[in-house]
Protein backbone atom coordinates (compact mmCIF):
# COMPACT_ATOMS: atom_id res chain seq x y z
CA MET A 1 94.74 68.97 102.56
CA GLN A 2 97.17 67.47 100.00
CA MET A 3 96.80 67.82 96.24
CA ASN A 4 98.13 65.21 93.80
CA ASP A 5 101.27 67.26 93.19
CA GLY A 6 102.20 67.19 96.89
CA SER A 7 101.34 70.82 97.60
CA ARG A 8 98.64 72.09 99.88
CA ASP A 9 95.22 73.06 98.57
CA LEU A 10 95.36 76.56 97.02
CA ARG A 11 92.16 77.53 98.81
CA GLU A 12 94.10 77.45 102.09
CA ARG A 13 96.61 80.07 100.92
CA THR A 14 96.70 83.73 101.80
CA GLY A 15 97.10 86.42 99.17
CA LYS A 16 100.78 86.73 100.10
CA GLY A 17 101.19 82.96 99.92
CA LEU A 18 99.56 82.81 96.49
CA ALA A 19 101.85 85.62 95.30
CA THR A 20 104.93 83.77 96.58
CA ARG A 21 103.82 80.52 94.95
CA GLY A 22 103.11 82.39 91.70
CA ARG A 23 106.55 84.01 91.78
CA ILE A 24 108.17 80.60 92.27
CA LEU A 25 106.18 79.16 89.37
CA GLU A 26 107.00 82.09 87.09
CA HIS A 27 110.74 81.83 87.73
CA ALA A 28 110.73 78.03 87.58
CA ALA A 29 108.90 78.16 84.24
CA ASP A 30 111.47 80.61 82.88
CA LEU A 31 114.38 78.48 84.08
CA ILE A 32 112.85 75.29 82.71
CA TYR A 33 112.24 76.99 79.38
CA THR A 34 115.78 78.38 79.09
CA ARG A 35 117.78 75.57 80.74
CA GLY A 36 115.54 72.51 80.53
CA VAL A 37 114.05 70.42 83.31
CA HIS A 38 117.20 68.46 84.11
CA ALA A 39 119.42 71.56 84.36
CA THR A 40 116.94 73.39 86.61
CA ASN A 41 117.43 72.64 90.28
CA ASN A 42 115.89 73.89 93.51
CA GLU A 43 118.81 76.21 94.24
CA LEU A 44 118.41 78.00 90.89
CA VAL A 45 114.65 78.33 91.39
CA ARG A 46 115.10 79.51 94.98
CA ARG A 47 117.61 82.22 94.03
CA ALA A 48 115.63 83.37 90.96
CA ALA A 49 112.38 83.63 92.93
CA GLY A 50 114.02 85.19 95.98
CA VAL A 51 112.70 82.60 98.43
CA SER A 52 114.27 80.39 101.05
CA GLY A 53 114.67 76.65 100.73
CA SER A 54 111.99 76.13 103.36
CA GLN A 55 109.56 78.35 101.43
CA LEU A 56 110.20 76.37 98.26
CA SER A 57 109.67 73.10 100.15
CA HIS A 58 106.52 74.51 101.75
CA TYR A 59 104.89 75.07 98.36
CA PHE A 60 106.40 72.13 96.46
CA ALA A 61 107.31 68.86 98.15
CA ASN A 62 109.79 67.87 95.43
CA LYS A 63 110.99 68.73 91.95
CA GLU A 64 108.30 66.59 90.33
CA SER A 65 105.54 68.51 92.10
CA LEU A 66 107.14 71.79 91.03
CA VAL A 67 107.42 70.68 87.39
CA ARG A 68 103.81 69.45 87.39
CA ALA A 69 102.67 72.77 88.86
CA VAL A 70 104.66 74.69 86.22
CA ILE A 71 102.95 72.66 83.49
CA ASP A 72 99.52 73.36 85.01
CA TRP A 73 100.38 77.06 85.46
CA GLN A 74 101.54 77.39 81.84
CA ALA A 75 98.49 75.53 80.51
CA GLU A 76 96.15 77.74 82.51
CA SER A 77 97.93 80.86 81.23
CA VAL A 78 97.44 79.75 77.62
CA LEU A 79 93.83 78.73 78.18
CA GLY A 80 93.11 81.97 80.04
CA PHE A 81 94.48 83.95 77.12
CA HIS A 82 92.29 82.07 74.64
CA ARG A 83 89.24 82.45 76.88
CA SER A 84 89.76 86.22 77.03
CA GLU A 85 87.43 88.81 75.55
CA ARG A 86 89.81 89.12 72.59
CA PHE A 87 88.63 85.73 71.30
CA ALA A 88 84.98 85.96 72.34
CA GLY A 89 82.67 84.84 69.56
CA LEU A 90 85.48 83.59 67.32
CA ASP A 91 83.75 80.27 66.65
CA THR A 92 80.56 82.08 65.67
CA ARG A 93 82.45 84.39 63.31
CA LEU A 94 84.16 81.42 61.64
CA VAL A 95 80.82 79.67 61.08
CA GLU A 96 79.39 82.88 59.59
CA ALA A 97 82.41 83.25 57.30
CA ARG A 98 82.00 79.70 56.08
CA ARG A 99 78.30 80.30 55.33
CA THR A 100 79.27 83.40 53.36
CA LEU A 101 82.06 81.69 51.41
CA GLU A 102 80.36 78.39 50.67
CA PRO A 103 78.05 79.79 47.92
CA LEU A 104 81.08 81.48 46.33
CA HIS A 105 82.95 78.18 46.41
CA ASP A 106 80.01 76.37 44.82
CA ASP A 107 79.63 79.07 42.14
CA MET A 108 83.32 78.92 41.23
CA CYS A 109 83.22 75.13 41.01
CA ALA A 110 80.13 75.36 38.79
CA VAL A 111 81.76 77.94 36.49
CA TYR A 112 85.12 76.25 36.15
CA GLY A 113 83.86 72.70 36.53
CA PRO A 114 85.30 69.85 38.50
CA ASP A 115 87.40 68.76 35.51
CA ASP A 116 89.62 71.87 35.63
CA GLU A 117 92.21 70.44 38.06
CA GLU A 118 94.15 73.68 38.67
CA THR A 119 91.04 75.69 39.45
CA ARG A 120 89.49 72.93 41.56
CA VAL A 121 92.66 72.62 43.66
CA THR A 122 92.83 76.41 44.13
CA VAL A 123 89.14 76.79 44.96
CA ASP A 124 89.12 73.79 47.29
CA GLY A 125 92.34 74.99 48.94
CA VAL A 126 90.82 78.40 49.68
CA HIS A 127 87.69 76.69 50.96
CA LEU A 128 89.72 74.44 53.25
CA GLN A 129 91.77 77.39 54.53
CA GLU A 130 88.67 79.39 55.31
CA CYS A 131 87.16 76.42 57.12
CA GLY A 132 90.31 75.99 59.19
CA GLN A 133 91.09 72.60 57.70
CA VAL A 134 94.53 73.51 56.34
């Protein structure tokens, strides 16, 4: 079964095959980051990952499929990090913080009045920062 990037469906891979593919992606990502896409070639990726040319071709039909897979791999790494337990409930905590700070914001605006430009800018700036809008 072919995927859009020219590589076989990941569900068909063995654990060893997935590890090899992951090693290729990791080294390709590092090379692309340090050298750029144009300066990264199959030979560099092959040597860095410790695989043969046929192994590289087995997992990635061409450079474009490798680059697309690196982009997907990097995106999934970032998304996985942000989906981790470390960030669980962050949205809820931000909403709760806003509910707590909003009355303070309103009170400060009432005390200092909307005509006090310096205070209004400061109070509104803190409000926007706390709401994630700055």
